[in-house]
């Protein structure tokens, strides 16, 4: 039977490697439906359950599913926790938000950490552009292998590196004439 339908085997392999997505969808759907079905007789408990699911459970499931990816999985789990705080703020009615007020510092801290990581990646990229003798394509490929970027983004980085080198050469030539 599996010889007749090889795409079934591919789908099963994908599901075995990426089981986080259907499970996360079920958790989010359960939380959203619970928010709209409940009568809000215990608003703090309901809000705390949704916050726990979206801020703790989903990032931990992501880390468990993609634990072989190392630091990239940790960064994405932090992003997912921050997204969970944001999403909870939008799906829990404003008059029932008690726990979320005390978690706003956590989202801000996570966003600051993520921005610092992005600045570090960009700094390393620009340093590699101007400090090495490699071609922009080689620099972009090395960055893609270090950070695990998609191919289309690698090409975009190579184009940006080429443009920045050309601009730097033009500015040096223009300032050198004066």
Protein backbone atom coordinates (compact mmCIF):
# COMPACT_ATOMS: atom_id res chain seq x y z
CA UNK A 1 0.00 0.00 0.00
CA UNK A 2 2.82 2.42 0.77
CA UNK A 3 4.25 1.84 -2.71
CA UNK A 4 1.05 3.11 -4.27
CA UNK A 5 0.99 6.32 -2.23
CA UNK A 6 4.55 7.56 -1.59
CA UNK A 7 3.23 11.02 -0.71
CA UNK A 8 1.54 9.49 2.34
CA UNK A 9 4.92 8.37 3.57
CA UNK A 10 6.34 11.85 2.92
CA UNK A 11 3.48 13.45 4.84
CA UNK A 12 4.00 11.05 7.72
CA UNK A 13 7.74 11.82 7.76
CA UNK A 14 6.98 15.55 7.78
CA UNK A 15 4.50 15.09 10.61
CA UNK A 16 7.00 13.01 12.58
CA UNK A 17 9.60 15.80 12.28
CA UNK A 18 7.20 18.74 12.74
CA UNK A 19 4.61 17.50 15.21
CA UNK A 20 4.69 20.88 16.95
CA UNK A 21 2.43 22.59 14.39
CA UNK A 22 -0.68 20.38 14.68
CA UNK A 23 -0.29 20.19 18.45
CA UNK A 24 0.15 23.97 18.78
CA UNK A 25 -2.87 24.52 16.55
CA UNK A 26 -4.94 22.27 18.80
CA UNK A 27 -3.78 24.10 21.95
CA UNK A 28 -4.53 27.53 20.47
CA UNK A 29 -7.90 26.43 19.12
CA UNK A 30 -8.78 24.95 22.51
CA UNK A 31 -7.82 28.16 24.30
CA UNK A 32 -9.72 30.42 21.92
CA UNK A 33 -12.82 28.24 22.04
CA UNK A 34 -12.64 28.07 25.85
CA UNK A 35 -12.52 31.86 26.02
CA UNK A 36 -15.66 32.23 23.95
CA UNK A 37 -17.62 29.33 25.48
CA UNK A 38 -16.94 30.06 29.17
CA UNK A 39 -19.17 32.34 31.19
CA UNK A 40 -16.18 34.12 32.81
CA UNK A 41 -17.24 33.24 36.36
CA UNK A 42 -13.52 32.73 37.20
CA UNK A 43 -11.77 35.26 34.95
CA UNK A 44 -8.33 35.10 36.62
CA UNK A 45 -8.17 31.32 36.35
CA UNK A 46 -9.21 31.35 32.70
CA UNK A 47 -6.75 34.13 31.86
CA UNK A 48 -3.95 32.36 33.73
CA UNK A 49 -4.66 29.12 31.86
CA UNK A 50 -4.50 30.86 28.49
CA UNK A 51 -1.32 32.73 29.46
CA UNK A 52 0.25 29.47 30.66
CA UNK A 53 -0.64 27.67 27.44
CA UNK A 54 0.54 30.40 25.08
CA UNK A 55 3.58 31.64 27.02
CA UNK A 56 4.92 28.47 28.65
CA UNK A 57 3.46 25.35 27.04
CA UNK A 58 3.84 26.33 23.37
CA UNK A 59 7.49 27.49 23.65
CA UNK A 60 8.38 24.35 25.63
CA UNK A 61 6.70 22.15 23.02
CA UNK A 62 8.64 24.00 20.32
CA UNK A 63 11.90 23.45 22.18
CA UNK A 64 11.11 19.79 22.63
CA UNK A 65 10.20 19.28 18.97
CA UNK A 66 13.19 21.19 17.57
CA UNK A 67 15.76 20.55 20.30
CA UNK A 68 18.33 19.40 17.73
CA UNK A 69 18.48 22.92 16.24
CA UNK A 70 20.31 24.29 19.27
CA UNK A 71 20.45 28.03 19.91
CA UNK A 72 18.16 28.85 16.98
CA UNK A 73 15.35 26.89 18.66
CA UNK A 74 15.89 28.80 21.91
CA UNK A 75 15.68 32.17 20.14
CA UNK A 76 12.51 31.08 18.33
CA UNK A 77 11.00 29.82 21.59
CA UNK A 78 11.62 33.25 23.16
CA UNK A 79 9.92 34.81 20.12
CA UNK A 80 7.02 32.41 20.55
CA UNK A 81 6.65 33.30 24.24
CA UNK A 82 6.61 37.00 23.37
CA UNK A 83 4.05 36.33 20.66
CA UNK A 84 2.00 34.40 23.22
CA UNK A 85 1.87 37.40 25.55
CA UNK A 86 0.83 39.63 22.66
CA UNK A 87 -1.82 37.19 21.42
CA UNK A 88 -3.24 36.69 24.90
CA UNK A 89 -3.62 40.45 25.21
CA UNK A 90 -5.78 40.41 22.09
CA UNK A 91 -7.95 37.37 22.76
CA UNK A 92 -8.69 37.93 26.46
CA UNK A 93 -11.21 40.76 26.91
CA UNK A 94 -9.71 43.92 28.39
CA UNK A 95 -11.89 43.89 31.51
CA UNK A 96 -10.60 40.40 32.41
CA UNK A 97 -6.89 41.08 31.97
CA UNK A 98 -5.38 40.81 35.44
CA UNK A 99 -2.35 38.56 34.96
CA UNK A 100 -1.25 40.17 31.70
CA UNK A 101 -0.54 43.50 33.35
CA UNK A 102 2.15 41.91 35.46
CA UNK A 103 3.74 40.19 32.43
CA UNK A 104 4.30 43.25 30.25
CA UNK A 105 7.89 43.55 31.48
CA UNK A 106 8.57 40.01 30.26
CA UNK A 107 7.49 40.81 26.71
CA UNK A 108 9.56 44.00 26.70
CA UNK A 109 12.61 42.11 27.97
CA UNK A 110 12.19 39.41 25.33
CA UNK A 111 11.89 42.00 22.58
CA UNK A 112 15.05 43.78 23.77
CA UNK A 113 16.97 40.48 23.77
CA UNK A 114 15.75 39.65 20.27
CA UNK A 115 16.68 43.10 18.95
CA UNK A 116 20.16 42.75 20.47
CA UNK A 117 20.58 39.37 18.77
CA UNK A 118 19.53 40.87 15.43
CA UNK A 119 21.94 43.78 15.88
CA UNK A 120 24.75 41.31 16.58
CA UNK A 121 23.94 39.32 13.43
CA UNK A 122 23.81 42.48 11.31
CA UNK A 123 27.05 43.78 12.83
CA UNK A 124 28.80 40.51 11.99
CA UNK A 125 27.38 40.65 8.47
CA UNK A 126 28.57 44.22 7.82
CA UNK A 127 31.93 43.47 9.39
CA UNK A 128 32.31 40.50 7.05
CA UNK A 129 31.39 42.65 4.05
CA UNK A 130 33.95 45.36 4.65
CA UNK A 131 36.76 43.46 6.40
CA UNK A 132 37.19 40.42 4.15
CA UNK A 133 38.35 39.79 0.62
CA UNK A 134 35.63 37.23 -0.05
CA UNK A 135 32.94 37.79 -2.65
CA UNK A 136 29.51 38.89 -1.43
CA UNK A 137 28.09 35.48 -2.40
CA UNK A 138 30.66 33.68 -0.23
CA UNK A 139 29.90 36.01 2.68
CA UNK A 140 26.15 35.45 2.32
CA UNK A 141 26.61 31.67 2.10
CA UNK A 142 28.73 31.65 5.26
CA UNK A 143 26.15 33.76 7.08
CA UNK A 144 23.39 31.44 5.87
CA UNK A 145 25.25 28.38 7.13
CA UNK A 146 25.97 30.02 10.50
CA UNK A 147 22.45 31.33 11.10
CA UNK A 148 20.46 28.78 8.99
CA UNK A 149 18.80 31.21 6.59
CA UNK A 150 16.62 30.31 3.59
CA UNK A 151 18.19 30.46 0.12
CA UNK A 152 16.17 33.45 -1.09
CA UNK A 153 17.33 35.47 1.91
CA UNK A 154 20.92 34.48 1.23
CA UNK A 155 20.62 35.87 -2.31
CA UNK A 156 19.13 39.06 -0.92
CA UNK A 157 22.06 39.42 1.50
CA UNK A 158 24.53 38.87 -1.34
CA UNK A 159 22.81 41.60 -3.37
CA UNK A 160 22.90 43.94 -0.37
CA UNK A 161 26.58 43.15 0.23
CA UNK A 162 27.42 43.91 -3.39
CA UNK A 163 25.49 47.21 -3.23
CA UNK A 164 27.18 48.22 0.03
CA UNK A 165 30.64 47.45 -1.34
CA UNK A 166 29.89 49.48 -4.47
CA UNK A 167 28.60 52.37 -2.38
CA UNK A 168 31.66 52.23 -0.12
CA UNK A 169 33.95 52.23 -3.17
CA UNK A 170 32.08 55.20 -4.65
CA UNK A 171 32.29 57.18 -1.39
CA UNK A 172 36.01 56.42 -1.02
CA UNK A 173 36.63 57.48 -4.61
CA UNK A 174 34.54 60.62 -4.22
CA UNK A 175 36.24 61.64 -0.98
CA UNK A 176 39.67 60.71 -2.34
CA UNK A 177 39.36 63.27 -5.18
CA UNK A 178 38.94 66.22 -2.85
